[in-house]
């Protein structure tokens, strides 16, 4: 008769009995004893390798796989309503001033995006044109939609950084539109800024979720939704500038992707938000001073 070999020991009898039952199920006899304060499982020397293999397979199948950690909560910033309120104040203030004749009477002509003038070096028109509107309907649409999308952009990036990124992306889109378009091209309105905001928000959320979400829908959903929104609302109306809207969205998406990089996290800090907000007002002020003086 071959000697018995110990293949498992535990202070708990249930562990040894459980393994003994597994071995019995595959036709391997075993024996449980209590020695030295431990319960011990023994098998015949001739079946040690086979018994050990079965127990290892059993333990691997029984091991509880820990659930993956939940993704970190998406970053949210306070004060987003302040940025949206200031956006409304700028648009309404500019329209009120022009309607009441406050300032130069030709302020509209001086600030519109005139491609021929931009091509001659009047870069500031790419900025000033963002706050001008043809009529009340044009203003109301950009005002309501801008407050809404700008608020959500401010919640994700912080109000100062969000509006700085929106104005810069939209101004660059206007500038490119004027430089590559025909000299007779003219345009006004904040719609380019709105589509820049959509691009920023869509790309920023896409990049952020790309690092945490495992399923494709949460990862790609924001970017797909932004493109759909661009196609749905960016091509409506007789005087819609498709090129400017598309350029605003694309440049906004590039900006949003860059701001979502881990190395850009310091830009979303509270102190930086104030600096970015002041820089946005400074850009608008310099552009209008240059246009009116």
C-alpha atoms as a PDB file:
ATOM      1  CA  UNK A   1       0.000   0.000   0.000  1.00  0.00           C
ATOM      2  CA  UNK A   2       1.359   3.402  -0.995  1.00  0.00           C
ATOM      3  CA  UNK A   3       1.833   6.043   1.715  1.00  0.00           C
ATOM      4  CA  UNK A   4      -0.620   8.937   2.009  1.00  0.00           C
ATOM      5  CA  UNK A   5       0.515  12.415   0.964  1.00  0.00           C
ATOM      6  CA  UNK A   6      -0.939  15.629   2.357  1.00  0.00           C
ATOM      7  CA  UNK A   7      -2.191  17.947  -0.424  1.00  0.00           C
ATOM      8  CA  UNK A   8      -4.123  20.549   1.566  1.00  0.00           C
ATOM      9  CA  UNK A   9      -4.421  21.846   5.119  1.00  0.00           C
ATOM     10  CA  UNK A  10      -6.652  24.434   6.770  1.00  0.00           C
ATOM     11  CA  UNK A  11      -7.893  25.463  10.197  1.00  0.00           C
ATOM     12  CA  UNK A  12     -11.403  25.059   8.793  1.00  0.00           C
ATOM     13  CA  UNK A  13     -12.861  21.583   8.382  1.00  0.00           C
ATOM     14  CA  UNK A  14     -15.256  22.754   5.644  1.00  0.00           C
ATOM     15  CA  UNK A  15     -12.375  23.593   3.299  1.00  0.00           C
ATOM     16  CA  UNK A  16     -10.895  20.122   3.491  1.00  0.00           C
ATOM     17  CA  UNK A  17     -14.267  18.391   3.235  1.00  0.00           C
ATOM     18  CA  UNK A  18     -15.163  20.508   0.205  1.00  0.00           C
ATOM     19  CA  UNK A  19     -11.976  19.429  -1.566  1.00  0.00           C
ATOM     20  CA  UNK A  20     -12.466  15.845  -0.528  1.00  0.00           C
ATOM     21  CA  UNK A  21     -15.912  15.954  -2.129  1.00  0.00           C
ATOM     22  CA  UNK A  22     -14.384  17.314  -5.361  1.00  0.00           C
ATOM     23  CA  UNK A  23     -11.883  14.452  -5.433  1.00  0.00           C
ATOM     24  CA  UNK A  24     -14.585  11.891  -4.729  1.00  0.00           C
ATOM     25  CA  UNK A  25     -16.584  13.241  -7.678  1.00  0.00           C
ATOM     26  CA  UNK A  26     -13.675  12.401 -10.028  1.00  0.00           C
ATOM     27  CA  UNK A  27     -13.039   9.002  -8.455  1.00  0.00           C
ATOM     28  CA  UNK A  28     -10.056   9.850  -6.255  1.00  0.00           C
ATOM     29  CA  UNK A  29     -10.291   8.569  -2.664  1.00  0.00           C
ATOM     30  CA  UNK A  30      -9.062  10.868   0.091  1.00  0.00           C
ATOM     31  CA  UNK A  31      -8.949  11.159   3.850  1.00  0.00           C
ATOM     32  CA  UNK A  32      -9.318  14.108   6.239  1.00  0.00           C
ATOM     33  CA  UNK A  33      -7.529  14.145   9.605  1.00  0.00           C
ATOM     34  CA  UNK A  34      -6.893  16.666  12.362  1.00  0.00           C
ATOM     35  CA  UNK A  35      -3.278  17.070  13.405  1.00  0.00           C
ATOM     36  CA  UNK A  36      -1.278  19.885  14.943  1.00  0.00           C
ATOM     37  CA  UNK A  37      -4.281  22.217  15.122  1.00  0.00           C
ATOM     38  CA  UNK A  38      -5.045  21.891  11.390  1.00  0.00           C
ATOM     39  CA  UNK A  39      -7.388  19.785   9.291  1.00  0.00           C
ATOM     40  CA  UNK A  40      -5.392  17.934   6.641  1.00  0.00           C
ATOM     41  CA  UNK A  41      -6.425  16.312   3.358  1.00  0.00           C
ATOM     42  CA  UNK A  42      -4.522  13.188   2.313  1.00  0.00           C
ATOM     43  CA  UNK A  43      -4.483  11.124  -0.874  1.00  0.00           C
ATOM     44  CA  UNK A  44      -2.585   8.084  -2.032  1.00  0.00           C
ATOM     45  CA  UNK A  45       0.902   8.831  -3.352  1.00  0.00           C
ATOM     46  CA  UNK A  46       0.035   7.352  -6.739  1.00  0.00           C
ATOM     47  CA  UNK A  47      -2.658   9.975  -7.423  1.00  0.00           C
ATOM     48  CA  UNK A  48      -1.011  13.061  -5.932  1.00  0.00           C
ATOM     49  CA  UNK A  49      -0.338  14.704  -9.305  1.00  0.00           C
ATOM     50  CA  UNK A  50      -3.842  14.005 -10.587  1.00  0.00           C
ATOM     51  CA  UNK A  51      -5.513  15.133  -7.352  1.00  0.00           C
ATOM     52  CA  UNK A  52      -3.456  18.319  -7.232  1.00  0.00           C
ATOM     53  CA  UNK A  53      -4.384  19.138 -10.819  1.00  0.00           C
ATOM     54  CA  UNK A  54      -8.114  18.677 -10.128  1.00  0.00           C
ATOM     55  CA  UNK A  55      -7.975  20.825  -7.009  1.00  0.00           C
ATOM     56  CA  UNK A  56      -6.052  23.579  -8.830  1.00  0.00           C
ATOM     57  CA  UNK A  57      -8.680  23.578 -11.585  1.00  0.00           C
ATOM     58  CA  UNK A  58     -11.462  23.669  -8.996  1.00  0.00           C
ATOM     59  CA  UNK A  59      -9.881  26.607  -7.154  1.00  0.00           C
ATOM     60  CA  UNK A  60      -9.334  28.518 -10.395  1.00  0.00           C
ATOM     61  CA  UNK A  61     -12.980  28.069 -11.376  1.00  0.00           C
ATOM     62  CA  UNK A  62     -14.204  28.975  -7.902  1.00  0.00           C
ATOM     63  CA  UNK A  63     -12.089  32.090  -7.530  1.00  0.00           C
ATOM     64  CA  UNK A  64     -14.243  35.215  -7.361  1.00  0.00           C
ATOM     65  CA  UNK A  65     -13.195  37.716  -9.975  1.00  0.00           C
ATOM     66  CA  UNK A  66     -13.342  41.204  -8.442  1.00  0.00           C
ATOM     67  CA  UNK A  67     -15.612  43.643 -10.205  1.00  0.00           C
ATOM     68  CA  UNK A  68     -13.782  46.336 -12.165  1.00  0.00           C
ATOM     69  CA  UNK A  69     -13.601  49.638 -10.323  1.00  0.00           C
ATOM     70  CA  UNK A  70     -16.243  52.154 -11.350  1.00  0.00           C
ATOM     71  CA  UNK A  71     -15.061  54.919 -13.685  1.00  0.00           C
ATOM     72  CA  UNK A  72     -14.151  58.157 -11.946  1.00  0.00           C
ATOM     73  CA  UNK A  73     -16.964  60.727 -11.858  1.00  0.00           C
ATOM     74  CA  UNK A  74     -16.939  63.193 -14.715  1.00  0.00           C
ATOM     75  CA  UNK A  75     -15.513  66.548 -13.683  1.00  0.00           C
ATOM     76  CA  UNK A  76     -18.013  69.317 -12.980  1.00  0.00           C
ATOM     77  CA  UNK A  77     -17.308  73.007 -12.343  1.00  0.00           C
ATOM     78  CA  UNK A  78     -19.384  75.577 -10.534  1.00  0.00           C
ATOM     79  CA  UNK A  79     -20.187  79.034 -11.831  1.00  0.00           C
ATOM     80  CA  UNK A  80     -21.183  77.890 -15.315  1.00  0.00           C
ATOM     81  CA  UNK A  81     -24.241  80.147 -15.154  1.00  0.00           C
ATOM     82  CA  UNK A  82     -21.943  83.167 -14.744  1.00  0.00           C
ATOM     83  CA  UNK A  83     -20.314  82.519 -18.115  1.00  0.00           C
ATOM     84  CA  UNK A  84     -23.705  82.011 -19.768  1.00  0.00           C
ATOM     85  CA  UNK A  85     -25.030  85.229 -18.193  1.00  0.00           C
ATOM     86  CA  UNK A  86     -22.018  87.244 -19.373  1.00  0.00           C
ATOM     87  CA  UNK A  87     -22.452  85.825 -22.877  1.00  0.00           C
ATOM     88  CA  UNK A  88     -26.056  87.061 -22.903  1.00  0.00           C
ATOM     89  CA  UNK A  89     -24.948  90.431 -21.517  1.00  0.00           C
ATOM     90  CA  UNK A  90     -22.368  90.920 -24.285  1.00  0.00           C
ATOM     91  CA  UNK A  91     -24.795  90.065 -27.096  1.00  0.00           C
ATOM     92  CA  UNK A  92     -27.669  92.115 -25.704  1.00  0.00           C
ATOM     93  CA  UNK A  93     -25.377  95.018 -24.794  1.00  0.00           C
ATOM     94  CA  UNK A  94     -23.907  95.220 -28.281  1.00  0.00           C
ATOM     95  CA  UNK A  95     -27.348  95.059 -29.925  1.00  0.00           C
ATOM     96  CA  UNK A  96     -28.767  97.685 -27.549  1.00  0.00           C
ATOM     97  CA  UNK A  97     -25.836 100.036 -28.133  1.00  0.00           C
ATOM     98  CA  UNK A  98     -26.120  99.815 -31.918  1.00  0.00           C
ATOM     99  CA  UNK A  99     -29.913 100.152 -31.867  1.00  0.00           C
ATOM    100  CA  UNK A 100     -29.738 103.257 -29.653  1.00  0.00           C
ATOM    101  CA  UNK A 101     -26.899 104.849 -31.586  1.00  0.00           C
ATOM    102  CA  UNK A 102     -24.454 104.583 -28.715  1.00  0.00           C
ATOM    103  CA  UNK A 103     -20.953 104.887 -30.177  1.00  0.00           C
ATOM    104  CA  UNK A 104     -20.080 105.340 -33.866  1.00  0.00           C
ATOM    105  CA  UNK A 105     -23.085 105.098 -36.155  1.00  0.00           C
ATOM    106  CA  UNK A 106     -21.186 102.761 -38.486  1.00  0.00           C
ATOM    107  CA  UNK A 107     -20.206 100.308 -35.743  1.00  0.00           C
ATOM    108  CA  UNK A 108     -21.984  97.488 -37.543  1.00  0.00           C
ATOM    109  CA  UNK A 109     -20.087  98.125 -40.767  1.00  0.00           C
ATOM    110  CA  UNK A 110     -16.824  98.384 -38.868  1.00  0.00           C
ATOM    111  CA  UNK A 111     -17.346  95.135 -36.994  1.00  0.00           C
ATOM    112  CA  UNK A 112     -18.893  92.752 -39.520  1.00  0.00           C
ATOM    113  CA  UNK A 113     -16.813  89.967 -41.054  1.00  0.00           C
ATOM    114  CA  UNK A 114     -15.928  91.551 -44.394  1.00  0.00           C
ATOM    115  CA  UNK A 115     -13.666  89.115 -46.250  1.00  0.00           C
ATOM    116  CA  UNK A 116     -12.064  91.822 -48.420  1.00  0.00           C
ATOM    117  CA  UNK A 117     -11.152  93.858 -45.327  1.00  0.00           C
ATOM    118  CA  UNK A 118      -9.883  90.818 -43.450  1.00  0.00           C
ATOM    119  CA  UNK A 119      -7.720  89.884 -46.403  1.00  0.00           C
ATOM    120  CA  UNK A 120      -6.253  93.396 -46.183  1.00  0.00           C
ATOM    121  CA  UNK A 121      -5.246  92.809 -42.547  1.00  0.00           C
ATOM    122  CA  UNK A 122      -8.308  93.738 -40.460  1.00  0.00           C
ATOM    123  CA  UNK A 123      -8.112  90.565 -38.375  1.00  0.00           C
ATOM    124  CA  UNK A 124     -10.252  91.977 -35.556  1.00  0.00           C
ATOM    125  CA  UNK A 125     -13.394  91.571 -37.641  1.00  0.00           C
ATOM    126  CA  UNK A 126     -13.173  87.807 -37.014  1.00  0.00           C
ATOM    127  CA  UNK A 127     -13.809  88.614 -33.340  1.00  0.00           C
ATOM    128  CA  UNK A 128     -16.177  91.576 -33.487  1.00  0.00           C
ATOM    129  CA  UNK A 129     -18.507  89.847 -35.939  1.00  0.00           C
ATOM    130  CA  UNK A 130     -19.351  87.284 -33.252  1.00  0.00           C
ATOM    131  CA  UNK A 131     -21.399  89.785 -31.213  1.00  0.00           C
ATOM    132  CA  UNK A 132     -23.306  91.399 -34.104  1.00  0.00           C
ATOM    133  CA  UNK A 133     -26.709  90.218 -35.387  1.00  0.00           C
ATOM    134  CA  UNK A 134     -28.871  91.162 -38.319  1.00  0.00           C
ATOM    135  CA  UNK A 135     -32.220  91.290 -36.494  1.00  0.00           C
ATOM    136  CA  UNK A 136     -34.056  90.287 -33.316  1.00  0.00           C
ATOM    137  CA  UNK A 137     -34.803  86.778 -34.574  1.00  0.00           C
ATOM    138  CA  UNK A 138     -31.158  86.181 -35.407  1.00  0.00           C
ATOM    139  CA  UNK A 139     -30.145  87.461 -31.964  1.00  0.00           C
ATOM    140  CA  UNK A 140     -32.780  85.458 -30.074  1.00  0.00           C
ATOM    141  CA  UNK A 141     -31.783  82.150 -31.680  1.00  0.00           C
ATOM    142  CA  UNK A 142     -28.099  82.572 -30.917  1.00  0.00           C
ATOM    143  CA  UNK A 143     -28.855  83.904 -27.453  1.00  0.00           C
ATOM    144  CA  UNK A 144     -31.029  80.998 -26.299  1.00  0.00           C
ATOM    145  CA  UNK A 145     -28.956  78.277 -27.907  1.00  0.00           C
ATOM    146  CA  UNK A 146     -25.688  79.892 -26.779  1.00  0.00           C
ATOM    147  CA  UNK A 147     -26.741  80.172 -23.140  1.00  0.00           C
ATOM    148  CA  UNK A 148     -27.791  76.526 -23.163  1.00  0.00           C
ATOM    149  CA  UNK A 149     -24.734  74.973 -24.801  1.00  0.00           C
ATOM    150  CA  UNK A 150     -22.364  77.436 -23.138  1.00  0.00           C
ATOM    151  CA  UNK A 151     -23.665  76.485 -19.709  1.00  0.00           C
ATOM    152  CA  UNK A 152     -22.896  72.811 -20.290  1.00  0.00           C
ATOM    153  CA  UNK A 153     -19.463  73.636 -21.702  1.00  0.00           C
ATOM    154  CA  UNK A 154     -18.787  75.711 -18.598  1.00  0.00           C
ATOM    155  CA  UNK A 155     -19.826  72.821 -16.360  1.00  0.00           C
ATOM    156  CA  UNK A 156     -17.320  70.507 -18.025  1.00  0.00           C
ATOM    157  CA  UNK A 157     -14.318  72.783 -18.560  1.00  0.00           C
ATOM    158  CA  UNK A 158     -15.023  75.626 -16.157  1.00  0.00           C
ATOM    159  CA  UNK A 159     -16.685  78.879 -17.283  1.00  0.00           C
ATOM    160  CA  UNK A 160     -13.534  80.908 -17.911  1.00  0.00           C
ATOM    161  CA  UNK A 161     -11.695  78.238 -19.877  1.00  0.00           C
ATOM    162  CA  UNK A 162     -14.831  77.181 -21.774  1.00  0.00           C
ATOM    163  CA  UNK A 163     -15.675  80.658 -23.069  1.00  0.00           C
ATOM    164  CA  UNK A 164     -12.044  81.451 -23.811  1.00  0.00           C
ATOM    165  CA  UNK A 165     -11.831  78.278 -25.910  1.00  0.00           C
ATOM    166  CA  UNK A 166     -15.168  79.057 -27.596  1.00  0.00           C
ATOM    167  CA  UNK A 167     -14.249  82.616 -28.571  1.00  0.00           C
ATOM    168  CA  UNK A 168     -10.773  81.675 -29.767  1.00  0.00           C
ATOM    169  CA  UNK A 169     -12.034  78.712 -31.830  1.00  0.00           C
ATOM    170  CA  UNK A 170     -14.862  80.730 -33.359  1.00  0.00           C
ATOM    171  CA  UNK A 171     -12.618  83.716 -34.124  1.00  0.00           C
ATOM    172  CA  UNK A 172     -10.099  81.466 -35.842  1.00  0.00           C
ATOM    173  CA  UNK A 173     -12.918  79.812 -37.816  1.00  0.00           C
ATOM    174  CA  UNK A 174     -14.161  83.251 -38.937  1.00  0.00           C
ATOM    175  CA  UNK A 175     -10.649  84.269 -39.867  1.00  0.00           C
ATOM    176  CA  UNK A 176     -10.087  81.163 -41.980  1.00  0.00           C
ATOM    177  CA  UNK A 177     -13.502  81.531 -43.579  1.00  0.00           C
ATOM    178  CA  UNK A 178     -12.716  85.111 -44.617  1.00  0.00           C
ATOM    179  CA  UNK A 179      -9.190  84.369 -45.832  1.00  0.00           C
ATOM    180  CA  UNK A 180     -10.101  81.423 -48.054  1.00  0.00           C
ATOM    181  CA  UNK A 181     -13.526  82.665 -49.162  1.00  0.00           C
ATOM    182  CA  UNK A 182     -14.456  85.171 -51.871  1.00  0.00           C
ATOM    183  CA  UNK A 183     -13.685  88.836 -51.218  1.00  0.00           C
ATOM    184  CA  UNK A 184     -17.392  89.719 -51.335  1.00  0.00           C
ATOM    185  CA  UNK A 185     -18.186  87.425 -48.390  1.00  0.00           C
ATOM    186  CA  UNK A 186     -19.770  89.116 -45.347  1.00  0.00           C
ATOM    187  CA  UNK A 187     -21.097  87.599 -42.164  1.00  0.00           C
ATOM    188  CA  UNK A 188     -22.158  88.416 -38.592  1.00  0.00           C
ATOM    189  CA  UNK A 189     -23.512  86.422 -35.660  1.00  0.00           C
ATOM    190  CA  UNK A 190     -22.529  84.171 -32.785  1.00  0.00           C
ATOM    191  CA  UNK A 191     -23.588  80.963 -34.534  1.00  0.00           C
ATOM    192  CA  UNK A 192     -19.979  80.100 -35.369  1.00  0.00           C
ATOM    193  CA  UNK A 193     -19.216  80.343 -31.642  1.00  0.00           C
ATOM    194  CA  UNK A 194     -22.142  78.056 -30.846  1.00  0.00           C
ATOM    195  CA  UNK A 195     -20.881  75.335 -33.163  1.00  0.00           C
ATOM    196  CA  UNK A 196     -17.394  75.803 -31.765  1.00  0.00           C
ATOM    197  CA  UNK A 197     -18.920  75.200 -28.323  1.00  0.00           C
ATOM    198  CA  UNK A 198     -20.651  72.048 -29.572  1.00  0.00           C
ATOM    199  CA  UNK A 199     -17.361  70.782 -31.012  1.00  0.00           C
ATOM    200  CA  UNK A 200     -15.483  71.548 -27.796  1.00  0.00           C
ATOM    201  CA  UNK A 201     -18.070  69.867 -25.590  1.00  0.00           C
ATOM    202  CA  UNK A 202     -18.456  66.814 -27.852  1.00  0.00           C
ATOM    203  CA  UNK A 203     -14.728  66.183 -28.299  1.00  0.00           C
ATOM    204  CA  UNK A 204     -13.856  66.893 -24.666  1.00  0.00           C
ATOM    205  CA  UNK A 205     -16.484  64.433 -23.414  1.00  0.00           C
ATOM    206  CA  UNK A 206     -15.446  61.871 -26.034  1.00  0.00           C
ATOM    207  CA  UNK A 207     -11.789  62.003 -25.016  1.00  0.00           C
ATOM    208  CA  UNK A 208     -12.669  61.937 -21.322  1.00  0.00           C
ATOM    209  CA  UNK A 209     -14.925  58.888 -21.650  1.00  0.00           C
ATOM    210  CA  UNK A 210     -12.505  57.167 -24.026  1.00  0.00           C
ATOM    211  CA  UNK A 211     -10.179  56.638 -21.054  1.00  0.00           C
ATOM    212  CA  UNK A 212     -12.826  55.188 -18.720  1.00  0.00           C
ATOM    213  CA  UNK A 213     -15.816  53.711 -20.578  1.00  0.00           C
ATOM    214  CA  UNK A 214     -15.501  50.129 -21.840  1.00  0.00           C
ATOM    215  CA  UNK A 215     -18.491  50.094 -24.166  1.00  0.00           C
ATOM    216  CA  UNK A 216     -18.329  51.913 -27.485  1.00  0.00           C
ATOM    217  CA  UNK A 217     -21.646  53.775 -27.078  1.00  0.00           C
ATOM    218  CA  UNK A 218     -20.633  55.881 -24.038  1.00  0.00           C
ATOM    219  CA  UNK A 219     -17.253  56.552 -25.643  1.00  0.00           C
ATOM    220  CA  UNK A 220     -18.377  57.645 -29.099  1.00  0.00           C
ATOM    221  CA  UNK A 221     -21.870  58.893 -28.242  1.00  0.00           C
ATOM    222  CA  UNK A 222     -20.887  62.531 -27.477  1.00  0.00           C
ATOM    223  CA  UNK A 223     -18.906  62.941 -30.699  1.00  0.00           C
ATOM    224  CA  UNK A 224     -21.639  61.339 -32.826  1.00  0.00           C
ATOM    225  CA  UNK A 225     -24.268  63.515 -31.138  1.00  0.00           C
ATOM    226  CA  UNK A 226     -22.210  66.636 -31.862  1.00  0.00           C
ATOM    227  CA  UNK A 227     -21.880  65.758 -35.548  1.00  0.00           C
ATOM    228  CA  UNK A 228     -25.610  65.037 -35.781  1.00  0.00           C
ATOM    229  CA  UNK A 229     -26.393  68.358 -34.101  1.00  0.00           C
ATOM    230  CA  UNK A 230     -24.102  70.139 -36.546  1.00  0.00           C
ATOM    231  CA  UNK A 231     -25.858  68.559 -39.516  1.00  0.00           C
ATOM    232  CA  UNK A 232     -29.327  69.106 -38.063  1.00  0.00           C
ATOM    233  CA  UNK A 233     -29.070  72.732 -36.938  1.00  0.00           C
ATOM    234  CA  UNK A 234     -26.000  73.979 -38.799  1.00  0.00           C
ATOM    235  CA  UNK A 235     -27.586  73.778 -42.238  1.00  0.00           C
ATOM    236  CA  UNK A 236     -30.968  75.398 -41.540  1.00  0.00           C
ATOM    237  CA  UNK A 237     -32.006  78.819 -42.845  1.00  0.00           C
ATOM    238  CA  UNK A 238     -31.487  80.826 -46.004  1.00  0.00           C
ATOM    239  CA  UNK A 239     -28.398  82.742 -44.845  1.00  0.00           C
ATOM    240  CA  UNK A 240     -26.717  79.855 -43.052  1.00  0.00           C
ATOM    241  CA  UNK A 241     -22.950  79.802 -43.487  1.00  0.00           C
ATOM    242  CA  UNK A 242     -22.175  76.084 -43.698  1.00  0.00           C
ATOM    243  CA  UNK A 243     -18.434  76.628 -44.047  1.00  0.00           C
ATOM    244  CA  UNK A 244     -18.222  78.820 -40.939  1.00  0.00           C
ATOM    245  CA  UNK A 245     -20.352  76.432 -38.895  1.00  0.00           C
ATOM    246  CA  UNK A 246     -18.309  73.416 -39.967  1.00  0.00           C
ATOM    247  CA  UNK A 247     -15.045  75.257 -39.367  1.00  0.00           C
ATOM    248  CA  UNK A 248     -16.216  76.334 -35.918  1.00  0.00           C
ATOM    249  CA  UNK A 249     -17.180  72.769 -35.040  1.00  0.00           C
ATOM    250  CA  UNK A 250     -13.927  71.250 -36.308  1.00  0.00           C
ATOM    251  CA  UNK A 251     -11.688  73.811 -34.608  1.00  0.00           C
ATOM    252  CA  UNK A 252     -13.768  73.479 -31.445  1.00  0.00           C
ATOM    253  CA  UNK A 253     -13.375  69.693 -31.556  1.00  0.00           C
ATOM    254  CA  UNK A 254      -9.610  70.028 -31.901  1.00  0.00           C
ATOM    255  CA  UNK A 255      -9.536  72.443 -28.969  1.00  0.00           C
ATOM    256  CA  UNK A 256     -11.750  70.212 -26.842  1.00  0.00           C
ATOM    257  CA  UNK A 257      -9.556  67.180 -27.547  1.00  0.00           C
ATOM    258  CA  UNK A 258      -6.436  69.082 -26.504  1.00  0.00           C
ATOM    259  CA  UNK A 259      -8.061  70.396 -23.325  1.00  0.00           C
ATOM    260  CA  UNK A 260      -9.047  66.833 -22.360  1.00  0.00           C
ATOM    261  CA  UNK A 261      -5.412  65.711 -22.254  1.00  0.00           C
ATOM    262  CA  UNK A 262      -4.137  64.930 -18.723  1.00  0.00           C
ATOM    263  CA  UNK A 263      -1.384  67.508 -19.179  1.00  0.00           C
ATOM    264  CA  UNK A 264      -4.047  70.222 -19.594  1.00  0.00           C
ATOM    265  CA  UNK A 265      -5.722  69.514 -16.243  1.00  0.00           C
ATOM    266  CA  UNK A 266      -3.992  72.493 -14.612  1.00  0.00           C
ATOM    267  CA  UNK A 267      -5.819  74.793 -17.044  1.00  0.00           C
ATOM    268  CA  UNK A 268      -9.111  73.787 -15.427  1.00  0.00           C
ATOM    269  CA  UNK A 269      -8.105  74.964 -11.945  1.00  0.00           C
ATOM    270  CA  UNK A 270     -10.036  77.800 -10.326  1.00  0.00           C
ATOM    271  CA  UNK A 271      -7.241  80.375 -10.546  1.00  0.00           C
ATOM    272  CA  UNK A 272      -6.775  79.642 -14.242  1.00  0.00           C
ATOM    273  CA  UNK A 273     -10.506  80.040 -14.872  1.00  0.00           C
ATOM    274  CA  UNK A 274     -10.375  83.678 -13.844  1.00  0.00           C
ATOM    275  CA  UNK A 275      -7.343  84.375 -16.014  1.00  0.00           C
ATOM    276  CA  UNK A 276      -8.996  82.705 -19.021  1.00  0.00           C
ATOM    277  CA  UNK A 277     -12.188  84.705 -18.486  1.00  0.00           C
ATOM    278  CA  UNK A 278     -10.296  87.999 -18.312  1.00  0.00           C
ATOM    279  CA  UNK A 279      -8.326  87.055 -21.426  1.00  0.00           C
ATOM    280  CA  UNK A 280     -11.614  86.495 -23.281  1.00  0.00           C
ATOM    281  CA  UNK A 281     -12.926  89.940 -22.360  1.00  0.00           C
ATOM    282  CA  UNK A 282      -9.542  91.447 -23.228  1.00  0.00           C
ATOM    283  CA  UNK A 283      -9.670  89.915 -26.700  1.00  0.00           C
ATOM    284  CA  UNK A 284     -13.187  91.250 -27.300  1.00  0.00           C
ATOM    285  CA  UNK A 285     -12.235  94.681 -25.963  1.00  0.00           C
ATOM    286  CA  UNK A 286      -9.058  94.959 -28.035  1.00  0.00           C
ATOM    287  CA  UNK A 287     -10.887  93.847 -31.182  1.00  0.00           C
ATOM    288  CA  UNK A 288     -13.682  96.393 -30.715  1.00  0.00           C
ATOM    289  CA  UNK A 289     -11.287  99.190 -29.818  1.00  0.00           C
ATOM    290  CA  UNK A 290      -9.318  98.415 -32.945  1.00  0.00           C
ATOM    291  CA  UNK A 291     -12.516  98.380 -34.994  1.00  0.00           C
ATOM    292  CA  UNK A 292     -13.963 101.660 -33.677  1.00  0.00           C
ATOM    293  CA  UNK A 293     -10.889 103.814 -33.286  1.00  0.00           C
END
